[in-house]
Amino acid sequence: MPAKPRLRDKMREDLALRGMSANTTATYVRCARQFAEHFGRSPCSMGAEEVRTFLLHLVQERKVCEASFNVYAAAIKFLYTVTLKRPEVVADVPRMRVPVRIPVVLTASEVARLLSALPSEKLRVMAMLAYGCGLRVNEVCLLRVDDIDAKRLLVRVRNAKRGRERYVMLSPRLLGALRAYWKTSRPVGSHLFPGRDLGKLYSSRSLRRAMSNAARRAGIAKHISPHTLRHSFATHLLDAGTDLRTLQVLLGHAALRSTMAYLHVSTARVQSVKSPLDALG
């Protein structure tokens, strides 16, 4: 008889059967592993009490944020509900309300300084894609050569969140930068941004670190990441008068509610409103 798959492998298979992305799969498995390592036992031998103790540990000792707590809770719920077929263990696992926080946004001059501070043409082009097209960091790293439609000035985003493919505009300036990068780098394979090791892609972690270092060199005190450029893309388009529905399509949001969050950041709209104080006699 063939050996039974390990619990970790079975969880990966269950996630794959439900169409979860590679990132979600890796995150869920990591959370489940940390749960098991916290007690030094297999989840098969644990129950609701251990789940509750671990979640309290996350809140009280590790002080994780609400969004991170919800990821751990979702991973453990998946583990017991789907993989272990013991839904009663996680029937009372809560979900925290995540506060709505205004995202960090760069000014146009800060974006220009950040791009200038990046140490290589490759990194600059990747950052330009995040800002000029509003791409997520993984969408940038997974771009393929044939995703760039130079004739129609479009970028096809095929590795989008939850599989929602979309097209975004390609600015002539960005197209020029992509062509210059292509001529000097000649990336091997079908992807635009290969990593140092053969067969691997440039990692999102490396891009985050490079951008953080560049921000310090550029004298930008804000805490930024590649996603900051996506936030800046959306906010600057709103400031320029782009309607919410168009912005929703460009960002690949399933619900308009997600796009409406940028209304809280668009200072142009706030500045255009006249204070009632000025109307007093």
C-alpha atoms as a PDB file:
ATOM      1  CA  MET A   1       0.000   0.000   0.000  1.00  0.00           C
ATOM      2  CA  PRO A   2       1.246   3.507  -0.791  1.00  0.00           C
ATOM      3  CA  ALA A   3       2.229   5.581   2.251  1.00  0.00           C
ATOM      4  CA  LYS A   4      -0.254   8.161   3.475  1.00  0.00           C
ATOM      5  CA  PRO A   5       0.761  11.737   2.618  1.00  0.00           C
ATOM      6  CA  ARG A   6       2.128  13.830   5.466  1.00  0.00           C
ATOM      7  CA  LEU A   7      -0.321  16.279   7.009  1.00  0.00           C
ATOM      8  CA  ARG A   8       1.551  19.228   5.507  1.00  0.00           C
ATOM      9  CA  ASP A   9       1.442  17.671   2.036  1.00  0.00           C
ATOM     10  CA  LYS A  10      -2.220  16.805   2.379  1.00  0.00           C
ATOM     11  CA  MET A  11      -3.019  20.385   3.369  1.00  0.00           C
ATOM     12  CA  ARG A  12      -1.143  21.627   0.305  1.00  0.00           C
ATOM     13  CA  GLU A  13      -3.131  19.246  -1.878  1.00  0.00           C
ATOM     14  CA  ASP A  14      -6.415  20.391  -0.332  1.00  0.00           C
ATOM     15  CA  LEU A  15      -5.505  24.022  -0.978  1.00  0.00           C
ATOM     16  CA  ALA A  16      -4.510  23.225  -4.565  1.00  0.00           C
ATOM     17  CA  LEU A  17      -7.821  21.431  -5.175  1.00  0.00           C
ATOM     18  CA  ARG A  18      -9.613  24.628  -4.163  1.00  0.00           C
ATOM     19  CA  GLY A  19      -7.587  26.750  -6.560  1.00  0.00           C
ATOM     20  CA  MET A  20      -5.654  28.652  -3.894  1.00  0.00           C
ATOM     21  CA  SER A  21      -2.659  30.619  -5.133  1.00  0.00           C
ATOM     22  CA  ALA A  22       0.915  29.589  -4.395  1.00  0.00           C
ATOM     23  CA  ASN A  23       1.249  32.530  -1.983  1.00  0.00           C
ATOM     24  CA  THR A  24      -1.914  31.628  -0.056  1.00  0.00           C
ATOM     25  CA  THR A  25      -0.854  27.983   0.091  1.00  0.00           C
ATOM     26  CA  ALA A  26       2.591  28.859   1.448  1.00  0.00           C
ATOM     27  CA  THR A  27       1.087  31.259   4.017  1.00  0.00           C
ATOM     28  CA  TYR A  28      -1.545  28.803   5.273  1.00  0.00           C
ATOM     29  CA  VAL A  29       0.982  25.967   5.581  1.00  0.00           C
ATOM     30  CA  ARG A  30       3.397  28.270   7.431  1.00  0.00           C
ATOM     31  CA  CYS A  31       0.686  29.318   9.903  1.00  0.00           C
ATOM     32  CA  ALA A  32      -0.303  25.688  10.512  1.00  0.00           C
ATOM     33  CA  ARG A  33       3.343  24.753  11.038  1.00  0.00           C
ATOM     34  CA  GLN A  34       3.815  27.520  13.612  1.00  0.00           C
ATOM     35  CA  PHE A  35       0.695  26.314  15.425  1.00  0.00           C
ATOM     36  CA  ALA A  36       2.133  22.783  15.635  1.00  0.00           C
ATOM     37  CA  GLU A  37       5.606  24.007  16.629  1.00  0.00           C
ATOM     38  CA  HIS A  38       4.169  26.163  19.423  1.00  0.00           C
ATOM     39  CA  PHE A  39       3.012  23.012  21.232  1.00  0.00           C
ATOM     40  CA  GLY A  40       5.552  20.576  19.796  1.00  0.00           C
ATOM     41  CA  ARG A  41       2.726  18.242  18.767  1.00  0.00           C
ATOM     42  CA  SER A  42       0.819  17.274  15.665  1.00  0.00           C
ATOM     43  CA  PRO A  43      -2.490  19.127  15.103  1.00  0.00           C
ATOM     44  CA  CYS A  44      -4.065  15.643  14.876  1.00  0.00           C
ATOM     45  CA  SER A  45      -3.589  15.252  18.635  1.00  0.00           C
ATOM     46  CA  MET A  46      -4.852  18.740  19.538  1.00  0.00           C
ATOM     47  CA  GLY A  47      -8.259  20.361  19.746  1.00  0.00           C
ATOM     48  CA  ALA A  48     -10.252  23.497  20.485  1.00  0.00           C
ATOM     49  CA  GLU A  49      -8.390  24.320  23.701  1.00  0.00           C
ATOM     50  CA  GLU A  50      -4.994  24.379  21.973  1.00  0.00           C
ATOM     51  CA  VAL A  51      -6.393  26.468  19.116  1.00  0.00           C
ATOM     52  CA  ARG A  52      -7.750  29.015  21.593  1.00  0.00           C
ATOM     53  CA  THR A  53      -4.463  29.096  23.542  1.00  0.00           C
ATOM     54  CA  PHE A  54      -2.435  29.666  20.376  1.00  0.00           C
ATOM     55  CA  LEU A  55      -4.697  32.472  19.147  1.00  0.00           C
ATOM     56  CA  LEU A  56      -4.448  34.174  22.549  1.00  0.00           C
ATOM     57  CA  HIS A  57      -0.665  33.803  22.308  1.00  0.00           C
ATOM     58  CA  LEU A  58      -0.735  35.618  18.962  1.00  0.00           C
ATOM     59  CA  VAL A  59      -2.730  38.510  20.425  1.00  0.00           C
ATOM     60  CA  GLN A  60      -1.254  38.855  23.906  1.00  0.00           C
ATOM     61  CA  GLU A  61       2.392  37.878  23.435  1.00  0.00           C
ATOM     62  CA  ARG A  62       3.268  38.255  19.774  1.00  0.00           C
ATOM     63  CA  LYS A  63       0.874  41.198  19.431  1.00  0.00           C
ATOM     64  CA  VAL A  64       0.081  40.504  15.779  1.00  0.00           C
ATOM     65  CA  CYS A  65      -2.157  42.977  13.966  1.00  0.00           C
ATOM     66  CA  GLU A  66      -5.808  42.233  13.243  1.00  0.00           C
ATOM     67  CA  ALA A  67      -5.192  41.284   9.604  1.00  0.00           C
ATOM     68  CA  SER A  68      -2.412  38.845  10.538  1.00  0.00           C
ATOM     69  CA  PHE A  69      -4.591  37.312  13.248  1.00  0.00           C
ATOM     70  CA  ASN A  70      -7.322  36.678  10.676  1.00  0.00           C
ATOM     71  CA  VAL A  71      -4.839  34.920   8.373  1.00  0.00           C
ATOM     72  CA  TYR A  72      -3.738  32.583  11.166  1.00  0.00           C
ATOM     73  CA  ALA A  73      -7.355  31.926  12.115  1.00  0.00           C
ATOM     74  CA  ALA A  74      -8.299  31.186   8.489  1.00  0.00           C
ATOM     75  CA  ALA A  75      -5.351  28.816   8.069  1.00  0.00           C
ATOM     76  CA  ILE A  76      -6.165  26.858  11.225  1.00  0.00           C
ATOM     77  CA  LYS A  77      -9.853  26.729  10.301  1.00  0.00           C
ATOM     78  CA  PHE A  78      -8.923  25.322   6.894  1.00  0.00           C
ATOM     79  CA  LEU A  79      -6.610  22.771   8.501  1.00  0.00           C
ATOM     80  CA  TYR A  80      -9.279  21.393  10.830  1.00  0.00           C
ATOM     81  CA  THR A  81     -12.349  21.865   8.627  1.00  0.00           C
ATOM     82  CA  VAL A  82     -10.975  20.563   5.320  1.00  0.00           C
ATOM     83  CA  THR A  83      -7.781  18.591   5.887  1.00  0.00           C
ATOM     84  CA  LEU A  84      -8.525  16.945   9.240  1.00  0.00           C
ATOM     85  CA  LYS A  85     -12.331  16.811   8.813  1.00  0.00           C
ATOM     86  CA  ARG A  86     -12.881  18.067  12.389  1.00  0.00           C
ATOM     87  CA  PRO A  87     -14.874  21.292  11.931  1.00  0.00           C
ATOM     88  CA  GLU A  88     -16.141  21.232  15.504  1.00  0.00           C
ATOM     89  CA  VAL A  89     -12.628  22.124  16.737  1.00  0.00           C
ATOM     90  CA  VAL A  90     -12.741  25.539  15.043  1.00  0.00           C
ATOM     91  CA  ALA A  91     -16.473  26.244  15.225  1.00  0.00           C
ATOM     92  CA  ASP A  92     -15.905  29.140  17.646  1.00  0.00           C
ATOM     93  CA  VAL A  93     -12.756  30.642  16.123  1.00  0.00           C
ATOM     94  CA  PRO A  94     -13.387  34.408  15.865  1.00  0.00           C
ATOM     95  CA  ARG A  95     -12.490  36.864  13.141  1.00  0.00           C
ATOM     96  CA  MET A  96     -11.157  40.259  14.189  1.00  0.00           C
ATOM     97  CA  ARG A  97     -12.518  43.490  12.780  1.00  0.00           C
ATOM     98  CA  VAL A  98      -9.717  45.135  10.813  1.00  0.00           C
ATOM     99  CA  PRO A  99      -9.520  48.920  11.305  1.00  0.00           C
ATOM    100  CA  VAL A 100      -9.709  50.987   8.126  1.00  0.00           C
ATOM    101  CA  ARG A 101      -6.396  52.812   7.929  1.00  0.00           C
ATOM    102  CA  ILE A 102      -5.392  55.387   5.348  1.00  0.00           C
ATOM    103  CA  PRO A 103      -2.611  53.863   3.231  1.00  0.00           C
ATOM    104  CA  VAL A 104       0.762  55.537   2.884  1.00  0.00           C
ATOM    105  CA  VAL A 105       0.973  57.473  -0.389  1.00  0.00           C
ATOM    106  CA  LEU A 106       3.965  59.154  -2.000  1.00  0.00           C
ATOM    107  CA  THR A 107       3.868  62.532  -3.696  1.00  0.00           C
ATOM    108  CA  ALA A 108       4.894  62.717  -7.357  1.00  0.00           C
ATOM    109  CA  SER A 109       8.264  64.209  -6.389  1.00  0.00           C
ATOM    110  CA  GLU A 110       8.851  61.413  -3.850  1.00  0.00           C
ATOM    111  CA  VAL A 111       8.100  58.801  -6.519  1.00  0.00           C
ATOM    112  CA  ALA A 112      10.673  60.448  -8.810  1.00  0.00           C
ATOM    113  CA  ARG A 113      13.268  60.513  -6.017  1.00  0.00           C
ATOM    114  CA  LEU A 114      12.605  56.882  -5.184  1.00  0.00           C
ATOM    115  CA  LEU A 115      13.035  55.790  -8.807  1.00  0.00           C
ATOM    116  CA  SER A 116      16.312  57.713  -9.052  1.00  0.00           C
ATOM    117  CA  ALA A 117      17.617  56.077  -5.864  1.00  0.00           C
ATOM    118  CA  LEU A 118      17.083  52.498  -7.074  1.00  0.00           C
ATOM    119  CA  PRO A 119      20.503  51.031  -7.898  1.00  0.00           C
ATOM    120  CA  SER A 120      19.731  49.170 -11.140  1.00  0.00           C
ATOM    121  CA  GLU A 121      17.740  49.545 -14.336  1.00  0.00           C
ATOM    122  CA  LYS A 122      15.880  46.333 -13.560  1.00  0.00           C
ATOM    123  CA  LEU A 123      14.669  47.597 -10.188  1.00  0.00           C
ATOM    124  CA  ARG A 124      13.659  50.952 -11.655  1.00  0.00           C
ATOM    125  CA  VAL A 125      11.576  49.276 -14.351  1.00  0.00           C
ATOM    126  CA  MET A 126       9.887  47.041 -11.769  1.00  0.00           C
ATOM    127  CA  ALA A 127       9.056  50.063  -9.607  1.00  0.00           C
ATOM    128  CA  MET A 128       7.805  51.964 -12.666  1.00  0.00           C
ATOM    129  CA  LEU A 129       5.437  49.074 -13.433  1.00  0.00           C
ATOM    130  CA  ALA A 130       4.090  49.146  -9.874  1.00  0.00           C
ATOM    131  CA  TYR A 131       3.474  52.900 -10.046  1.00  0.00           C
ATOM    132  CA  GLY A 132       2.691  53.378 -13.735  1.00  0.00           C
ATOM    133  CA  CYS A 133       0.283  50.419 -13.978  1.00  0.00           C
ATOM    134  CA  GLY A 134      -0.873  49.993 -10.370  1.00  0.00           C
ATOM    135  CA  LEU A 135       0.435  46.422 -10.181  1.00  0.00           C
ATOM    136  CA  ARG A 136       0.773  44.332  -7.051  1.00  0.00           C
ATOM    137  CA  VAL A 137       4.300  43.173  -6.231  1.00  0.00           C
ATOM    138  CA  ASN A 138       3.652  39.581  -7.331  1.00  0.00           C
ATOM    139  CA  GLU A 139       2.048  40.807 -10.539  1.00  0.00           C
ATOM    140  CA  VAL A 140       5.264  42.688 -11.313  1.00  0.00           C
ATOM    141  CA  CYS A 141       7.555  39.758 -10.506  1.00  0.00           C
ATOM    142  CA  LEU A 142       5.515  37.293 -12.595  1.00  0.00           C
ATOM    143  CA  LEU A 143       5.185  39.441 -15.728  1.00  0.00           C
ATOM    144  CA  ARG A 144       6.018  37.657 -18.952  1.00  0.00           C
ATOM    145  CA  VAL A 145       7.565  39.113 -22.079  1.00  0.00           C
ATOM    146  CA  ASP A 146       4.390  38.484 -24.094  1.00  0.00           C
ATOM    147  CA  ASP A 147       2.285  40.345 -21.509  1.00  0.00           C
ATOM    148  CA  ILE A 148       3.621  43.622 -22.957  1.00  0.00           C
ATOM    149  CA  ASP A 149       1.498  44.739 -25.906  1.00  0.00           C
ATOM    150  CA  ALA A 150       3.608  47.542 -27.412  1.00  0.00           C
ATOM    151  CA  LYS A 151       1.270  48.135 -30.362  1.00  0.00           C
ATOM    152  CA  ARG A 152      -1.846  48.754 -28.282  1.00  0.00           C
ATOM    153  CA  LEU A 153       0.073  50.183 -25.293  1.00  0.00           C
ATOM    154  CA  LEU A 154      -1.409  47.629 -22.889  1.00  0.00           C
ATOM    155  CA  VAL A 155      -0.076  45.300 -20.190  1.00  0.00           C
ATOM    156  CA  ARG A 156      -1.860  42.013 -19.619  1.00  0.00           C
ATOM    157  CA  VAL A 157      -1.986  41.085 -15.928  1.00  0.00           C
ATOM    158  CA  ARG A 158      -2.552  37.352 -15.904  1.00  0.00           C
ATOM    159  CA  ASN A 159      -1.238  36.429 -12.428  1.00  0.00           C
ATOM    160  CA  ALA A 160      -3.777  38.587 -10.657  1.00  0.00           C
ATOM    161  CA  LYS A 161      -5.342  38.087  -7.248  1.00  0.00           C
ATOM    162  CA  ARG A 162      -8.007  35.354  -7.256  1.00  0.00           C
ATOM    163  CA  GLY A 163      -7.335  34.767 -10.953  1.00  0.00           C
ATOM    164  CA  ARG A 164      -8.987  38.011 -12.138  1.00  0.00           C
ATOM    165  CA  GLU A 165      -7.006  38.789 -15.292  1.00  0.00           C
ATOM    166  CA  ARG A 166      -7.100  42.349 -16.572  1.00  0.00           C
ATOM    167  CA  TYR A 167      -5.473  44.831 -18.927  1.00  0.00           C
ATOM    168  CA  VAL A 168      -3.876  48.073 -17.759  1.00  0.00           C
ATOM    169  CA  MET A 169      -2.480  50.978 -19.741  1.00  0.00           C
ATOM    170  CA  LEU A 170       1.175  51.082 -20.775  1.00  0.00           C
ATOM    171  CA  SER A 171       2.612  54.588 -20.865  1.00  0.00           C
ATOM    172  CA  PRO A 172       5.021  55.432 -23.706  1.00  0.00           C
ATOM    173  CA  ARG A 173       7.596  56.428 -21.072  1.00  0.00           C
ATOM    174  CA  LEU A 174       7.344  53.024 -19.403  1.00  0.00           C
ATOM    175  CA  LEU A 175       7.507  51.271 -22.778  1.00  0.00           C
ATOM    176  CA  GLY A 176      10.751  53.136 -23.505  1.00  0.00           C
ATOM    177  CA  ALA A 177      12.172  52.044 -20.142  1.00  0.00           C
ATOM    178  CA  LEU A 178      11.146  48.420 -20.797  1.00  0.00           C
ATOM    179  CA  ARG A 179      12.825  48.454 -24.212  1.00  0.00           C
ATOM    180  CA  ALA A 180      16.035  49.904 -22.754  1.00  0.00           C
ATOM    181  CA  TYR A 181      16.023  47.252 -20.016  1.00  0.00           C
ATOM    182  CA  TRP A 182      15.429  44.517 -22.608  1.00  0.00           C
ATOM    183  CA  LYS A 183      18.355  45.666 -24.764  1.00  0.00           C
ATOM    184  CA  THR A 184      20.844  45.765 -21.901  1.00  0.00           C
ATOM    185  CA  SER A 185      19.660  42.754 -19.859  1.00  0.00           C
ATOM    186  CA  ARG A 186      18.277  40.310 -22.450  1.00  0.00           C
ATOM    187  CA  PRO A 187      16.437  38.222 -19.801  1.00  0.00           C
ATOM    188  CA  VAL A 188      16.537  34.489 -20.518  1.00  0.00           C
ATOM    189  CA  GLY A 189      13.207  32.679 -20.644  1.00  0.00           C
ATOM    190  CA  SER A 190       9.618  33.803 -20.938  1.00  0.00           C
ATOM    191  CA  HIS A 191       9.549  36.081 -17.866  1.00  0.00           C
ATOM    192  CA  LEU A 192      10.724  39.687 -17.770  1.00  0.00           C
ATOM    193  CA  PHE A 193      12.470  39.583 -14.400  1.00  0.00           C
ATOM    194  CA  PRO A 194      14.479  36.394 -13.781  1.00  0.00           C
ATOM    195  CA  GLY A 195      16.360  35.974 -10.529  1.00  0.00           C
ATOM    196  CA  ARG A 196      20.058  35.290 -10.071  1.00  0.00           C
ATOM    197  CA  ASP A 197      19.582  31.527  -9.949  1.00  0.00           C
ATOM    198  CA  LEU A 198      18.724  29.810 -13.213  1.00  0.00           C
ATOM    199  CA  GLY A 199      15.027  28.991 -13.500  1.00  0.00           C
ATOM    200  CA  LYS A 200      13.983  31.293 -10.648  1.00  0.00           C
ATOM    201  CA  LEU A 201      12.281  34.685 -10.761  1.00  0.00           C
ATOM    202  CA  TYR A 202      13.206  37.888  -8.980  1.00  0.00           C
ATOM    203  CA  SER A 203      11.476  37.617  -5.602  1.00  0.00           C
ATOM    204  CA  SER A 204       8.954  40.016  -4.132  1.00  0.00           C
ATOM    205  CA  ARG A 205      10.986  40.021  -0.901  1.00  0.00           C
ATOM    206  CA  SER A 206      14.079  41.259  -2.750  1.00  0.00           C
ATOM    207  CA  LEU A 207      12.056  44.027  -4.413  1.00  0.00           C
ATOM    208  CA  ARG A 208      10.614  45.116  -1.062  1.00  0.00           C
ATOM    209  CA  ARG A 209      14.084  45.271   0.486  1.00  0.00           C
ATOM    210  CA  ALA A 210      15.533  47.197  -2.466  1.00  0.00           C
ATOM    211  CA  MET A 211      12.723  49.758  -2.323  1.00  0.00           C
ATOM    212  CA  SER A 212      13.060  50.217   1.423  1.00  0.00           C
ATOM    213  CA  ASN A 213      16.802  50.853   1.050  1.00  0.00           C
ATOM    214  CA  ALA A 214      16.188  53.243  -1.858  1.00  0.00           C
ATOM    215  CA  ALA A 215      13.649  55.215   0.204  1.00  0.00           C
ATOM    216  CA  ARG A 216      16.267  55.761   2.917  1.00  0.00           C
ATOM    217  CA  ARG A 217      18.819  56.909   0.343  1.00  0.00           C
ATOM    218  CA  ALA A 218      16.239  59.287  -1.143  1.00  0.00           C
ATOM    219  CA  GLY A 219      15.512  60.796   2.271  1.00  0.00           C
ATOM    220  CA  ILE A 220      11.902  59.551   2.312  1.00  0.00           C
ATOM    221  CA  ALA A 221      10.870  59.031   5.938  1.00  0.00           C
ATOM    222  CA  LYS A 222       7.647  57.181   5.128  1.00  0.00           C
ATOM    223  CA  HIS A 223       7.520  53.414   5.609  1.00  0.00           C
ATOM    224  CA  ILE A 224       7.105  52.181   2.049  1.00  0.00           C
ATOM    225  CA  SER A 225       6.874  48.956   0.061  1.00  0.00           C
ATOM    226  CA  PRO A 226       6.075  48.135  -3.580  1.00  0.00           C
ATOM    227  CA  HIS A 227       2.394  48.276  -2.605  1.00  0.00           C
ATOM    228  CA  THR A 228       2.896  51.935  -1.668  1.00  0.00           C
ATOM    229  CA  LEU A 229       3.410  52.634  -5.376  1.00  0.00           C
ATOM    230  CA  ARG A 230       0.091  50.912  -6.150  1.00  0.00           C
ATOM    231  CA  HIS A 231      -1.609  53.097  -3.521  1.00  0.00           C
ATOM    232  CA  SER A 232       0.060  56.147  -5.045  1.00  0.00           C
ATOM    233  CA  PHE A 233      -1.069  55.131  -8.555  1.00  0.00           C
ATOM    234  CA  ALA A 234      -4.710  54.932  -7.414  1.00  0.00           C
ATOM    235  CA  THR A 235      -4.628  58.144  -5.398  1.00  0.00           C
ATOM    236  CA  HIS A 236      -2.913  60.191  -8.096  1.00  0.00           C
ATOM    237  CA  LEU A 237      -5.418  58.977 -10.716  1.00  0.00           C
ATOM    238  CA  LEU A 238      -8.313  59.964  -8.437  1.00  0.00           C
ATOM    239  CA  ASP A 239      -6.722  63.372  -7.903  1.00  0.00           C
ATOM    240  CA  ALA A 240      -6.518  63.732 -11.689  1.00  0.00           C
ATOM    241  CA  GLY A 241     -10.249  63.069 -12.067  1.00  0.00           C
ATOM    242  CA  THR A 242     -10.363  59.337 -12.985  1.00  0.00           C
ATOM    243  CA  ASP A 243     -13.770  57.892 -12.107  1.00  0.00           C
ATOM    244  CA  LEU A 244     -14.082  55.129  -9.522  1.00  0.00           C
ATOM    245  CA  ARG A 245     -15.402  52.495 -11.927  1.00  0.00           C
ATOM    246  CA  THR A 246     -12.417  52.887 -14.268  1.00  0.00           C
ATOM    247  CA  LEU A 247     -10.052  52.802 -11.309  1.00  0.00           C
ATOM    248  CA  GLN A 248     -11.738  49.616 -10.044  1.00  0.00           C
ATOM    249  CA  VAL A 249     -11.050  47.894 -13.379  1.00  0.00           C
ATOM    250  CA  LEU A 250      -7.434  49.079 -13.465  1.00  0.00           C
ATOM    251  CA  LEU A 251      -6.768  47.844  -9.924  1.00  0.00           C
ATOM    252  CA  GLY A 252      -8.559  44.531 -10.463  1.00  0.00           C
ATOM    253  CA  HIS A 253     -10.885  44.972  -7.488  1.00  0.00           C
ATOM    254  CA  ALA A 254     -13.877  42.632  -7.363  1.00  0.00           C
ATOM    255  CA  ALA A 255     -15.952  45.112  -5.350  1.00  0.00           C
ATOM    256  CA  LEU A 256     -16.207  48.862  -5.783  1.00  0.00           C
ATOM    257  CA  ARG A 257     -16.089  49.121  -1.995  1.00  0.00           C
ATOM    258  CA  SER A 258     -12.367  48.261  -2.096  1.00  0.00           C
ATOM    259  CA  THR A 259     -11.692  51.052  -4.592  1.00  0.00           C
ATOM    260  CA  MET A 260     -13.727  53.573  -2.591  1.00  0.00           C
ATOM    261  CA  ALA A 261     -11.153  53.372   0.197  1.00  0.00           C
ATOM    262  CA  TYR A 262      -8.952  55.672  -1.902  1.00  0.00           C
ATOM    263  CA  LEU A 263     -11.516  58.422  -1.574  1.00  0.00           C
ATOM    264  CA  HIS A 264     -10.205  58.835   1.977  1.00  0.00           C
ATOM    265  CA  VAL A 265      -6.711  59.472   0.614  1.00  0.00           C
ATOM    266  CA  SER A 266      -7.419  61.739  -2.343  1.00  0.00           C
ATOM    267  CA  THR A 267      -6.437  65.129  -0.962  1.00  0.00           C
ATOM    268  CA  ALA A 268      -7.553  66.941  -4.112  1.00  0.00           C
ATOM    269  CA  ARG A 269     -11.170  66.066  -3.316  1.00  0.00           C
ATOM    270  CA  VAL A 270     -10.795  67.105   0.316  1.00  0.00           C
ATOM    271  CA  GLN A 271      -9.111  70.375  -0.628  1.00  0.00           C
ATOM    272  CA  SER A 272     -11.881  71.211  -3.111  1.00  0.00           C
ATOM    273  CA  VAL A 273     -14.536  71.200  -0.367  1.00  0.00           C
ATOM    274  CA  LYS A 274     -15.170  74.566   1.251  1.00  0.00           C
ATOM    275  CA  SER A 275     -15.285  74.647   5.034  1.00  0.00           C
ATOM    276  CA  PRO A 276     -18.590  75.896   6.531  1.00  0.00           C
ATOM    277  CA  LEU A 277     -16.476  78.216   8.685  1.00  0.00           C
ATOM    278  CA  ASP A 278     -15.750  80.349   5.593  1.00  0.00           C
ATOM    279  CA  ALA A 279     -19.485  80.890   5.077  1.00  0.00           C
ATOM    280  CA  LEU A 280     -19.978  82.580   8.431  1.00  0.00           C
ATOM    281  CA  GLY A 281     -20.737  86.291   8.422  1.00  0.00           C
END
